[in-house]
Amino acid sequence: MNMPGTSCTKALVSSQKAESFFFYLLLFANTLPVLLFQSFPTVDGPAHLYNARLIVDLLSNPASPLSAFLMFNSQLNPNLIGHVILGSLMVFFPALLAEKIFLLSYLIFFPLTFRYLFDVLRLKGQYLVYFVFPFTYSFLFYYGFYNFNIGLVFLFLSLALWIRYLRMGFTFRRMAILGILSLFVFFSHLFVFAILLLAVAIINLKEVLPLLSTTIADKKRILISWLQQIFILMPGIVLTVVYFATHPAGSGNSQYLSINELLMMIKQVQPAKGIDYGKEDIFSKWIFVLFALISGFHLAKFLIRPRKVVMVDSVVWGSLVAVTLLLFMVMPNMIKGSIGFVSSRLLVFFFLFLIVFLASLRTPIWLKIIAFAIINYVNIALINVYVTAAQRLNNVAEQVTKTSEIIEPYSTVYPIYHSEEWIFTHISNYLGIDKPLVITDNIEASLNYFPLVWKRSQMPHLHLGNPKSRHEILPSHNPNQKQQIDYVFLFLDETSYESEISMMEAHPFLSQYYYKIFEGDNKQVRLYKRKGYLGKH
């Protein structure tokens, strides 16, 4: 005969297994937009993949013809992990498969590390872990901020282990693990590393009051713990100081969003919207309603019985929510014309910390069931939206990679865009992911915080057919050495194709110095080759 307690335990274990199975099923379903198609274009994604190819080529062949145009950045560069992972994968796999593995790794490990943080904190609100899925396909993900997104994985793994080791005590091995992880965060993205410093500082604030009233032995233990944590973070802190010392602020003005714009971003849960705002709006509104409902319930509960609501963990994560919200409201969206999307990045952390904070509070079963049902309806609906969008994006990318097949290695390519779709801003970089090419639309090489930069002091002056042309393709300090562009790649908006005649009128050099050798099936991509060009020998 089963005892009542035994039956309850079995039921609890069974429900936990069912919940775990559902989580991993949803985790798999969430990868389908990337898994089902050959490629998954984002704004900067093609540029990251292309530059990873260039890095592999330059490392394996320092005398490569690419070395006339590109060189490794001599300054400290935090945006590194994504390129290292992609480059390492491309040694063994084709570029698009390497990109797929990279993106799948992010989509799998971001929710897993977030769930691991829940487990370490022993949070009762396990249902809230499902709120992380809409933030995987965020606006920043579709913008192709690979280093920032992979930094989220390292951040939440670091925080989970940090809290675990704080309880267990720091050993040399544990300090080494956290030290390595903190460097991974730094070399993923400096902004994410700053959030790690903020989170660790706030997590340790709970020791301030005990420090004033505990015994000398306890005070010594707390101070030693703080010194150990500072030691763990010190390499990243020193590298951060070096980075800002070698990278002066931009010359432009900082740009702020209005209060109305900031409030609208919160109301629309902007980080949960990725590619198709029209279709995603209804679902992001549901997410906001759920956040408002759960937060409103706990606020009312706090006003009635504050002592039964306030707990140490809730204070820590509530403080992180408050600080990130404050920073979101007061910081510029673009700092000195160089660091952009600051508001969007802060809003990601505001909502993620809000999820953890709400999960640290006791929620009645009826509210858990309602929130669990609605958020997973939203999750499944969003996956459908992203699969549909991915199919269209993949079709366009296939036309670009097909174009690449007829371009000779080490050729120079000049892209021209006649499209207003932001997602295709750097789609031309897919031309150079499987073979070394010099594509003039290399946004990373034009900036100073990526692994490769243009070799402006020695690279030849590129021109479009006419050597007397004053049109400067790439700023070069070596104007006496001139070189013609070998190919012109044309990308058109799928809703407004231009006729052959109007194209020639807009770009007269095409008919004079180049001839068309390829046109995509949907006429969205075209390739022109320089007359008389036979390839590099």
Protein backbone atom coordinates (compact mmCIF):
# COMPACT_ATOMS: atom_id res chain seq x y z
CA MET A 1 0.00 0.00 0.00
CA ASN A 2 1.40 3.36 -1.09
CA MET A 3 1.69 6.08 1.49
CA PRO A 4 0.23 9.52 0.53
CA GLY A 5 3.67 11.08 0.67
CA THR A 6 5.06 8.47 -1.73
CA SER A 7 2.27 9.12 -4.23
CA CYS A 8 2.88 12.86 -4.09
CA THR A 9 6.60 12.35 -4.63
CA LYS A 10 5.97 10.12 -7.66
CA ALA A 11 3.55 12.65 -9.11
CA LEU A 12 6.08 15.44 -8.60
CA VAL A 13 8.86 13.45 -10.27
CA SER A 14 6.55 12.54 -13.14
CA SER A 15 5.52 16.18 -13.68
CA GLN A 16 9.17 17.26 -13.59
CA LYS A 17 10.05 14.68 -16.26
CA ALA A 18 7.13 15.82 -18.42
CA GLU A 19 8.18 19.46 -18.06
CA SER A 20 11.78 18.61 -18.91
CA PHE A 21 10.69 16.64 -21.99
CA PHE A 22 8.53 19.54 -23.17
CA PHE A 23 11.37 22.00 -22.69
CA TYR A 24 13.77 19.98 -24.83
CA LEU A 25 11.07 19.41 -27.44
CA LEU A 26 10.51 23.18 -27.66
CA LEU A 27 14.28 23.71 -27.69
CA PHE A 28 14.50 21.50 -30.79
CA ALA A 29 11.51 23.17 -32.46
CA ASN A 30 13.13 26.56 -31.87
CA THR A 31 16.08 25.53 -34.06
CA LEU A 32 13.90 24.73 -37.10
CA PRO A 33 14.21 28.16 -38.80
CA VAL A 34 17.99 27.55 -38.99
CA LEU A 35 17.95 23.76 -39.26
CA LEU A 36 15.54 23.44 -42.20
CA PHE A 37 17.38 25.60 -44.72
CA GLN A 38 20.84 25.75 -46.24
CA SER A 39 21.55 29.30 -45.11
CA PHE A 40 20.17 31.80 -42.59
CA PRO A 41 21.06 35.34 -43.75
CA THR A 42 21.24 38.16 -41.21
CA VAL A 43 22.51 41.71 -41.67
CA ASP A 44 26.10 41.25 -40.45
CA GLY A 45 26.16 37.44 -40.57
CA PRO A 46 27.55 37.22 -44.13
CA ALA A 47 30.28 39.72 -43.18
CA HIS A 48 31.31 37.65 -40.15
CA LEU A 49 31.41 34.46 -42.22
CA TYR A 50 33.31 36.14 -45.06
CA ASN A 51 35.92 37.60 -42.72
CA ALA A 52 36.34 34.24 -41.00
CA ARG A 53 37.17 32.83 -44.46
CA LEU A 54 39.68 35.64 -45.04
CA ILE A 55 41.31 34.97 -41.66
CA VAL A 56 41.67 31.26 -42.45
CA ASP A 57 43.20 32.07 -45.84
CA LEU A 58 45.66 34.63 -44.46
CA LEU A 59 46.74 32.36 -41.61
CA SER A 60 47.26 29.36 -43.88
CA ASN A 61 48.94 31.42 -46.61
CA PRO A 62 50.55 34.68 -45.37
CA ALA A 63 51.74 35.42 -48.94
CA SER A 64 48.15 35.23 -50.23
CA PRO A 65 47.12 37.92 -52.75
CA LEU A 66 44.70 39.03 -50.04
CA SER A 67 47.66 40.36 -48.06
CA ALA A 68 47.94 43.23 -50.54
CA PHE A 69 44.56 44.49 -49.30
CA LEU A 70 44.08 43.23 -45.74
CA MET A 71 46.06 42.83 -42.55
CA PHE A 72 45.40 41.72 -38.99
CA ASN A 73 44.34 44.45 -36.60
CA SER A 74 47.28 45.27 -34.34
CA GLN A 75 45.02 46.77 -31.66
CA LEU A 76 43.17 44.85 -28.97
CA ASN A 77 39.98 43.42 -30.38
CA PRO A 78 37.20 42.07 -28.11
CA ASN A 79 34.98 41.00 -31.07
CA LEU A 80 36.94 37.80 -31.54
CA ILE A 81 35.16 34.66 -30.28
CA GLY A 82 32.67 34.49 -33.15
CA HIS A 83 35.44 34.66 -35.74
CA VAL A 84 37.52 32.05 -33.90
CA ILE A 85 34.60 29.62 -33.74
CA LEU A 86 33.54 30.19 -37.35
CA GLY A 87 37.12 30.03 -38.66
CA SER A 88 37.80 26.82 -36.74
CA LEU A 89 34.63 25.22 -38.10
CA MET A 90 35.45 26.32 -41.66
CA VAL A 91 38.71 24.36 -41.55
CA PHE A 92 36.58 21.19 -41.47
CA PHE A 93 33.21 22.13 -42.95
CA PRO A 94 31.82 24.21 -45.85
CA ALA A 95 31.10 27.80 -44.84
CA LEU A 96 27.30 27.59 -44.75
CA LEU A 97 27.45 24.41 -42.64
CA ALA A 98 29.91 26.14 -40.29
CA GLU A 99 27.50 29.05 -39.97
CA LYS A 100 24.61 26.66 -39.31
CA ILE A 101 26.56 24.88 -36.54
CA PHE A 102 27.44 28.24 -34.98
CA LEU A 103 23.85 29.51 -35.03
CA LEU A 104 22.45 26.21 -33.75
CA SER A 105 24.97 26.27 -30.91
CA TYR A 106 23.70 29.70 -29.87
CA LEU A 107 20.02 28.70 -30.18
CA ILE A 108 20.60 25.58 -28.09
CA PHE A 109 23.02 26.79 -25.43
CA PHE A 110 21.43 30.19 -24.74
CA PRO A 111 18.18 28.66 -23.37
CA LEU A 112 20.16 25.84 -21.72
CA THR A 113 22.49 28.17 -19.79
CA PHE A 114 19.51 30.33 -18.84
CA ARG A 115 17.73 27.22 -17.52
CA TYR A 116 20.91 26.20 -15.71
CA LEU A 117 20.87 29.55 -13.90
CA PHE A 118 17.29 28.78 -12.80
CA ASP A 119 18.45 25.39 -11.48
CA VAL A 120 21.40 26.88 -9.58
CA LEU A 121 19.15 29.51 -8.01
CA ARG A 122 16.56 26.79 -7.22
CA LEU A 123 13.82 29.05 -8.52
CA LYS A 124 10.24 28.01 -7.95
CA GLY A 125 8.95 29.82 -11.04
CA GLN A 126 10.30 27.26 -13.52
CA TYR A 127 7.47 28.12 -15.93
CA LEU A 128 9.15 31.49 -16.53
CA VAL A 129 12.18 29.88 -18.17
CA TYR A 130 10.02 29.52 -21.31
CA PHE A 131 9.96 33.30 -21.62
CA VAL A 132 13.56 33.14 -22.88
CA PHE A 133 12.65 31.61 -26.25
CA PRO A 134 11.19 34.77 -27.86
CA PHE A 135 14.47 36.53 -27.05
CA THR A 136 16.58 34.00 -28.97
CA TYR A 137 15.41 35.32 -32.37
CA SER A 138 15.78 38.93 -31.31
CA PHE A 139 16.26 42.06 -33.37
CA LEU A 140 19.95 41.86 -32.45
CA PHE A 141 20.11 38.24 -33.64
CA TYR A 142 18.69 39.13 -37.07
CA TYR A 143 21.12 42.02 -37.22
CA GLY A 144 23.85 39.38 -37.13
CA PHE A 145 25.55 40.51 -33.92
CA TYR A 146 27.14 37.09 -33.53
CA ASN A 147 29.68 38.08 -30.90
CA PHE A 148 27.05 39.79 -28.74
CA ASN A 149 24.69 36.82 -28.97
CA ILE A 150 27.30 34.16 -28.23
CA GLY A 151 28.35 36.39 -25.33
CA LEU A 152 24.90 35.81 -23.79
CA VAL A 153 25.69 32.10 -23.58
CA PHE A 154 28.97 32.71 -21.77
CA LEU A 155 27.37 35.37 -19.55
CA PHE A 156 24.60 33.19 -18.12
CA LEU A 157 26.91 30.20 -17.76
CA SER A 158 29.34 32.47 -15.89
CA LEU A 159 26.61 33.85 -13.60
CA ALA A 160 25.26 30.36 -12.82
CA LEU A 161 28.70 29.01 -11.93
CA TRP A 162 29.57 32.21 -10.05
CA ILE A 163 26.57 31.83 -7.75
CA ARG A 164 27.23 28.11 -7.33
CA TYR A 165 30.88 28.65 -6.41
CA LEU A 166 29.98 31.46 -4.03
CA ARG A 167 27.98 28.91 -2.04
CA MET A 168 30.60 26.17 -2.27
CA GLY A 169 33.67 28.36 -1.78
CA PHE A 170 36.38 29.30 -4.27
CA THR A 171 39.14 26.84 -5.03
CA PHE A 172 41.97 27.37 -7.49
CA ARG A 173 40.18 25.19 -10.06
CA ARG A 174 36.89 27.07 -9.67
CA MET A 175 38.63 30.43 -9.91
CA ALA A 176 40.42 29.28 -13.07
CA ILE A 177 37.10 28.19 -14.64
CA LEU A 178 35.46 31.53 -13.87
CA GLY A 179 38.54 33.43 -15.02
CA ILE A 180 38.51 31.67 -18.39
CA LEU A 181 34.76 32.16 -18.78
CA SER A 182 35.03 35.87 -17.95
CA LEU A 183 37.68 36.23 -20.68
CA PHE A 184 35.37 34.41 -23.09
CA VAL A 185 32.71 37.00 -22.22
CA PHE A 186 35.20 39.83 -22.80
CA PHE A 187 36.37 38.48 -26.16
CA SER A 188 32.77 37.88 -27.19
CA HIS A 189 31.58 41.43 -26.57
CA LEU A 190 32.76 44.24 -24.33
CA PHE A 191 29.18 45.34 -23.60
CA VAL A 192 28.29 41.87 -22.29
CA PHE A 193 31.44 41.89 -20.15
CA ALA A 194 30.30 45.19 -18.61
CA ILE A 195 26.98 43.54 -17.72
CA LEU A 196 28.90 40.65 -16.12
CA LEU A 197 30.81 43.12 -13.93
CA LEU A 198 27.55 44.83 -12.97
CA ALA A 199 25.82 41.53 -12.14
CA VAL A 200 28.73 40.23 -10.03
CA ALA A 201 28.90 43.53 -8.14
CA ILE A 202 25.17 43.47 -7.32
CA ILE A 203 25.23 39.77 -6.38
CA ASN A 204 27.94 40.60 -3.83
CA LEU A 205 26.06 43.56 -2.37
CA LYS A 206 24.02 41.15 -0.23
CA GLU A 207 27.18 40.67 1.84
CA VAL A 208 27.48 44.36 2.75
CA LEU A 209 25.01 44.37 5.66
CA PRO A 210 26.34 41.10 7.17
CA LEU A 211 29.81 42.61 6.95
CA LEU A 212 28.72 45.29 9.46
CA SER A 213 27.27 42.90 12.04
CA THR A 214 29.02 39.52 11.75
CA THR A 215 32.02 38.15 13.63
CA ILE A 216 35.61 38.92 12.67
CA ALA A 217 35.94 35.44 11.13
CA ASP A 218 32.90 36.01 8.90
CA LYS A 219 34.16 39.45 7.92
CA LYS A 220 37.48 37.92 6.94
CA ARG A 221 35.71 35.26 4.89
CA ILE A 222 33.64 37.88 3.03
CA LEU A 223 36.66 40.10 2.30
CA ILE A 224 38.70 37.13 1.04
CA SER A 225 35.78 36.17 -1.23
CA TRP A 226 35.66 39.69 -2.66
CA LEU A 227 39.41 39.70 -3.29
CA GLN A 228 39.17 36.33 -5.03
CA GLN A 229 36.42 37.60 -7.31
CA ILE A 230 38.34 40.77 -8.14
CA PHE A 231 41.33 38.57 -8.98
CA ILE A 232 39.14 36.45 -11.28
CA LEU A 233 37.86 39.51 -13.14
CA MET A 234 41.11 41.46 -13.17
CA PRO A 235 42.42 40.22 -16.56
CA GLY A 236 39.18 41.30 -18.26
CA ILE A 237 39.18 44.63 -16.41
CA VAL A 238 42.78 45.35 -17.45
CA LEU A 239 41.99 44.43 -21.06
CA THR A 240 38.97 46.74 -20.95
CA VAL A 241 41.15 49.64 -19.77
CA VAL A 242 43.69 48.86 -22.53
CA TYR A 243 40.92 48.73 -25.13
CA PHE A 244 39.54 52.16 -24.26
CA ALA A 245 43.07 53.59 -24.04
CA THR A 246 43.82 52.43 -27.60
CA HIS A 247 40.37 53.17 -29.06
CA PRO A 248 39.51 56.85 -28.61
CA ALA A 249 35.84 57.80 -28.66
CA GLY A 250 34.31 58.64 -32.01
CA SER A 251 34.04 62.18 -33.25
CA GLY A 252 30.27 62.17 -33.71
CA ASN A 253 27.62 63.23 -31.24
CA SER A 254 25.84 60.78 -28.96
CA GLN A 255 22.26 60.14 -30.02
CA TYR A 256 19.43 59.73 -27.52
CA LEU A 257 15.99 58.26 -28.04
CA SER A 258 12.98 60.17 -26.74
CA ILE A 259 11.11 59.01 -23.65
CA ASN A 260 8.16 58.03 -25.85
CA GLU A 261 10.43 55.90 -28.06
CA LEU A 262 11.98 54.19 -25.05
CA LEU A 263 8.59 53.46 -23.47
CA MET A 264 7.32 52.12 -26.80
CA MET A 265 10.30 49.75 -27.00
CA ILE A 266 9.34 48.38 -23.57
CA LYS A 267 5.66 48.12 -24.43
CA GLN A 268 6.41 46.33 -27.70
CA VAL A 269 9.02 44.10 -26.00
CA GLN A 270 11.34 45.04 -28.88
CA PRO A 271 14.02 42.39 -28.20
CA ALA A 272 11.37 39.69 -28.78
CA LYS A 273 10.79 40.96 -32.32
CA GLY A 274 13.22 39.86 -35.00
CA ILE A 275 12.38 39.97 -38.68
CA ASP A 276 8.68 40.48 -39.45
CA TYR A 277 7.39 43.19 -37.15
CA GLY A 278 3.88 43.08 -38.64
CA LYS A 279 3.37 39.42 -37.74
CA GLU A 280 5.33 39.58 -34.49
CA ASP A 281 3.52 42.58 -33.03
CA ILE A 282 0.54 40.63 -31.75
CA PHE A 283 2.78 38.10 -30.01
CA SER A 284 5.07 40.69 -28.44
CA LYS A 285 1.93 42.37 -27.06
CA TRP A 286 0.96 39.09 -25.40
CA ILE A 287 4.43 38.86 -23.85
CA PHE A 288 4.07 42.38 -22.48
CA VAL A 289 0.63 41.55 -21.06
CA LEU A 290 2.09 38.50 -19.31
CA PHE A 291 4.94 40.51 -17.82
CA ALA A 292 2.48 43.18 -16.69
CA LEU A 293 0.08 40.60 -15.21
CA ILE A 294 2.74 38.71 -13.23
CA SER A 295 4.51 41.91 -12.12
CA GLY A 296 1.19 43.52 -11.13
CA PHE A 297 0.22 40.50 -9.07
CA HIS A 298 3.48 40.53 -7.12
CA LEU A 299 3.37 44.30 -6.66
CA ALA A 300 -0.09 44.04 -5.15
CA LYS A 301 1.07 41.15 -2.97
CA PHE A 302 4.07 43.20 -1.79
CA LEU A 303 1.88 46.18 -0.88
CA ILE A 304 -0.35 43.92 1.21
CA ARG A 305 2.30 41.68 2.83
CA PRO A 306 5.82 43.00 2.12
CA ARG A 307 7.63 40.68 4.52
CA LYS A 308 6.31 37.56 2.78
CA VAL A 309 7.52 38.76 -0.63
CA VAL A 310 11.00 40.16 -0.02
CA MET A 311 13.77 37.53 -0.18
CA VAL A 312 17.51 37.81 -0.72
CA ASP A 313 17.48 36.44 -4.29
CA SER A 314 14.53 38.60 -5.29
CA VAL A 315 16.32 41.72 -3.97
CA VAL A 316 19.48 40.88 -5.95
CA TRP A 317 17.68 40.27 -9.25
CA GLY A 318 15.23 43.09 -8.64
CA SER A 319 18.23 45.40 -8.23
CA LEU A 320 19.63 44.18 -11.57
CA VAL A 321 16.26 44.87 -13.19
CA ALA A 322 16.16 48.38 -11.71
CA VAL A 323 19.74 49.26 -12.69
CA THR A 324 19.42 48.02 -16.29
CA LEU A 325 16.12 49.89 -16.62
CA LEU A 326 17.74 53.07 -15.30
CA LEU A 327 20.66 52.70 -17.72
CA PHE A 328 18.19 52.07 -20.55
CA MET A 329 16.38 55.31 -19.77
CA VAL A 330 19.43 57.57 -19.35
CA MET A 331 22.10 56.22 -21.73
CA PRO A 332 22.33 57.27 -25.40
CA ASN A 333 21.34 54.80 -28.08
CA MET A 334 24.55 55.64 -29.93
CA ILE A 335 27.68 56.77 -28.09
CA LYS A 336 29.92 59.28 -29.88
CA GLY A 337 28.82 58.07 -33.30
CA SER A 338 30.59 54.72 -32.84
CA ILE A 339 28.85 52.39 -30.34
CA GLY A 340 25.29 51.78 -31.52
CA PHE A 341 22.10 49.98 -30.45
CA VAL A 342 22.91 50.62 -26.79
CA SER A 343 19.22 50.93 -25.85
CA SER A 344 18.32 47.68 -27.61
CA ARG A 345 21.17 45.82 -25.89
CA LEU A 346 20.22 47.13 -22.44
CA LEU A 347 16.58 46.22 -23.01
CA VAL A 348 17.58 42.60 -23.68
CA PHE A 349 19.21 42.40 -20.25
CA PHE A 350 16.32 44.24 -18.59
CA PHE A 351 13.83 41.63 -19.76
CA LEU A 352 16.11 38.65 -19.11
CA PHE A 353 16.83 39.83 -15.56
CA LEU A 354 13.11 40.56 -15.13
CA ILE A 355 12.36 36.92 -15.97
CA VAL A 356 14.80 35.73 -13.30
CA PHE A 357 13.45 38.24 -10.77
CA LEU A 358 9.82 37.18 -11.28
CA ALA A 359 10.86 33.52 -11.07
CA SER A 360 12.39 34.22 -7.63
CA LEU A 361 8.93 35.15 -6.30
CA ARG A 362 6.19 32.76 -5.20
CA THR A 363 3.43 32.63 -7.81
CA PRO A 364 0.06 30.86 -7.38
CA ILE A 365 -0.56 27.80 -9.51
CA TRP A 366 -3.43 29.39 -11.47
CA LEU A 367 -1.19 32.22 -12.67
CA LYS A 368 1.59 29.77 -13.55
CA ILE A 369 -0.79 27.71 -15.71
CA ILE A 370 -2.13 30.77 -17.55
CA ALA A 371 1.34 32.18 -18.21
CA PHE A 372 2.75 28.77 -19.22
CA ALA A 373 -0.04 28.17 -21.73
CA ILE A 374 0.10 31.63 -23.32
CA ILE A 375 3.89 31.94 -23.55
CA ASN A 376 4.21 28.56 -25.23
CA TYR A 377 1.45 29.40 -27.69
CA VAL A 378 3.48 32.53 -28.46
CA ASN A 379 6.69 30.49 -28.75
CA ILE A 380 5.18 28.06 -31.26
CA ALA A 381 3.53 30.86 -33.27
CA LEU A 382 6.83 32.79 -33.47
CA ILE A 383 8.68 29.68 -34.66
CA ASN A 384 6.18 29.47 -37.53
CA VAL A 385 6.80 33.15 -38.37
CA TYR A 386 10.57 32.62 -38.39
CA VAL A 387 10.39 29.46 -40.52
CA THR A 388 8.37 31.31 -43.16
CA ALA A 389 10.81 34.23 -43.13
CA ALA A 390 13.82 31.88 -43.23
CA GLN A 391 12.55 30.17 -46.35
CA ARG A 392 12.39 33.47 -48.25
CA LEU A 393 15.79 34.61 -46.98
CA ASN A 394 17.34 31.29 -47.91
CA ASN A 395 16.02 31.57 -51.48
CA VAL A 396 17.76 34.92 -51.87
CA ALA A 397 21.00 33.66 -50.33
CA GLU A 398 21.00 30.69 -52.70
CA GLN A 399 21.05 33.09 -55.66
CA VAL A 400 24.08 34.88 -54.19
CA THR A 401 26.05 31.70 -53.47
CA LYS A 402 25.18 30.43 -56.96
CA THR A 403 26.63 33.66 -58.35
CA SER A 404 29.83 33.04 -56.43
CA GLU A 405 30.50 29.79 -58.30
CA ILE A 406 31.56 31.61 -61.48
CA ILE A 407 33.88 34.16 -59.83
CA GLU A 408 37.60 33.35 -59.92
CA PRO A 409 39.45 33.22 -56.56
CA TYR A 410 41.27 36.38 -55.46
CA SER A 411 39.18 38.56 -57.77
CA THR A 412 37.96 41.99 -56.69
CA VAL A 413 34.19 42.53 -56.46
CA TYR A 414 32.27 45.79 -56.20
CA PRO A 415 28.65 45.39 -54.94
CA ILE A 416 25.87 47.80 -55.89
CA TYR A 417 22.59 47.69 -53.96
CA HIS A 418 19.20 48.80 -55.19
CA SER A 419 17.22 47.44 -52.26
CA GLU A 420 15.66 48.94 -49.15
CA GLU A 421 15.49 45.66 -47.21
CA TRP A 422 17.80 46.08 -44.21
CA ILE A 423 18.33 42.35 -43.82
CA PHE A 424 20.28 42.24 -47.12
CA THR A 425 22.68 45.10 -46.33
CA HIS A 426 25.77 42.87 -46.51
CA ILE A 427 24.37 39.91 -48.47
CA SER A 428 27.15 40.36 -51.07
CA ASN A 429 29.65 38.99 -48.54
CA TYR A 430 28.22 35.52 -49.15
CA LEU A 431 30.12 35.66 -52.44
CA GLY A 432 33.41 35.19 -50.59
CA ILE A 433 32.59 32.56 -47.98
CA ASP A 434 33.95 29.55 -49.89
CA LYS A 435 36.77 31.18 -51.82
CA PRO A 436 39.12 34.11 -51.15
CA LEU A 437 37.80 37.31 -52.74
CA VAL A 438 38.35 41.02 -52.15
CA ILE A 439 34.82 42.41 -51.73
CA THR A 440 34.84 46.16 -51.35
CA ASP A 441 31.70 46.03 -49.19
CA ASN A 442 33.61 44.61 -46.20
CA ILE A 443 32.17 46.55 -43.29
CA GLU A 444 34.40 44.86 -40.72
CA ALA A 445 37.63 45.85 -42.46
CA SER A 446 36.42 49.47 -42.51
CA LEU A 447 36.06 49.53 -38.72
CA ASN A 448 38.72 49.30 -36.06
CA TYR A 449 37.28 46.72 -33.68
CA PHE A 450 37.37 43.53 -35.76
CA PRO A 451 40.27 41.12 -36.51
CA LEU A 452 40.96 42.39 -40.06
CA VAL A 453 41.40 45.93 -41.39
CA TRP A 454 42.18 47.39 -44.80
CA LYS A 455 45.87 47.80 -45.58
CA ARG A 456 45.31 51.36 -46.70
CA SER A 457 48.97 52.38 -46.76
CA GLN A 458 49.91 49.78 -49.39
CA MET A 459 46.74 48.50 -51.08
CA PRO A 460 46.21 49.54 -54.70
CA HIS A 461 43.68 52.16 -55.69
CA LEU A 462 40.64 50.32 -57.08
CA HIS A 463 38.61 51.85 -59.88
CA LEU A 464 35.70 50.84 -62.11
CA GLY A 465 37.18 50.34 -65.53
CA ASN A 466 38.33 53.89 -66.19
CA PRO A 467 41.80 54.48 -64.61
CA LYS A 468 41.18 58.27 -64.73
CA SER A 469 37.97 57.97 -62.72
CA ARG A 470 37.92 60.03 -59.53
CA HIS A 471 35.35 57.72 -58.00
CA GLU A 472 37.10 56.27 -54.95
CA ILE A 473 36.00 52.69 -54.29
CA LEU A 474 38.15 52.28 -51.18
CA PRO A 475 40.22 55.04 -49.58
CA SER A 476 43.85 54.20 -50.31
CA HIS A 477 47.13 55.97 -49.53
CA ASN A 478 48.77 54.41 -52.57
CA PRO A 479 47.10 56.17 -55.55
CA ASN A 480 50.01 55.52 -57.92
CA GLN A 481 49.22 51.82 -57.96
CA LYS A 482 45.87 51.38 -59.70
CA GLN A 483 43.82 48.25 -60.22
CA GLN A 484 40.55 47.69 -62.01
CA ILE A 485 37.59 46.09 -60.30
CA ASP A 486 37.14 42.62 -61.78
CA TYR A 487 33.44 42.09 -61.08
CA VAL A 488 30.41 44.20 -60.30
CA PHE A 489 27.69 42.48 -58.29
CA LEU A 490 24.21 43.97 -58.51
CA PHE A 491 21.53 43.28 -55.90
CA LEU A 492 17.99 44.51 -56.51
CA ASP A 493 14.87 44.80 -54.42
CA GLU A 494 12.58 41.89 -55.26
CA THR A 495 9.57 44.21 -55.43
CA SER A 496 11.12 46.77 -57.79
CA TYR A 497 13.31 45.18 -60.43
CA GLU A 498 14.95 47.68 -62.73
CA SER A 499 15.08 47.19 -66.47
CA GLU A 500 18.36 46.59 -68.26
CA ILE A 501 18.17 50.02 -69.90
CA SER A 502 17.55 51.92 -66.65
CA MET A 503 20.40 50.02 -65.00
CA MET A 504 22.80 51.09 -67.70
CA GLU A 505 21.61 54.66 -67.40
CA ALA A 506 22.16 54.62 -63.64
CA HIS A 507 25.58 53.01 -63.98
CA PRO A 508 27.03 53.94 -67.42
CA PHE A 509 30.41 52.33 -66.66
CA LEU A 510 28.74 48.90 -66.73
CA SER A 511 28.07 48.93 -70.49
CA GLN A 512 31.42 50.56 -71.26
CA TYR A 513 33.78 48.38 -69.22
CA TYR A 514 31.75 45.35 -68.09
CA TYR A 515 29.38 42.77 -69.52
CA LYS A 516 26.71 40.70 -67.81
CA ILE A 517 27.62 37.06 -67.27
CA PHE A 518 24.97 35.94 -64.79
CA GLU A 519 21.41 36.74 -63.75
CA GLY A 520 19.63 34.94 -60.91
CA ASP A 521 16.46 32.96 -61.46
CA ASN A 522 14.42 35.70 -59.82
CA LYS A 523 16.49 38.46 -61.48
CA GLN A 524 17.30 39.85 -58.05
CA VAL A 525 21.05 39.31 -58.46
CA ARG A 526 23.24 40.08 -61.47
CA LEU A 527 26.96 39.76 -62.07
CA TYR A 528 29.05 41.81 -64.48
CA LYS A 529 32.61 40.92 -65.47
CA ARG A 530 35.31 43.30 -66.63
CA LYS A 531 35.94 43.06 -70.37
CA GLY A 532 39.16 41.18 -71.04
CA TYR A 533 39.47 39.82 -67.49
CA LEU A 534 40.66 36.19 -67.46
CA GLY A 535 41.15 35.70 -63.73
CA LYS A 536 44.15 35.79 -61.40
CA HIS A 537 47.16 33.77 -62.43
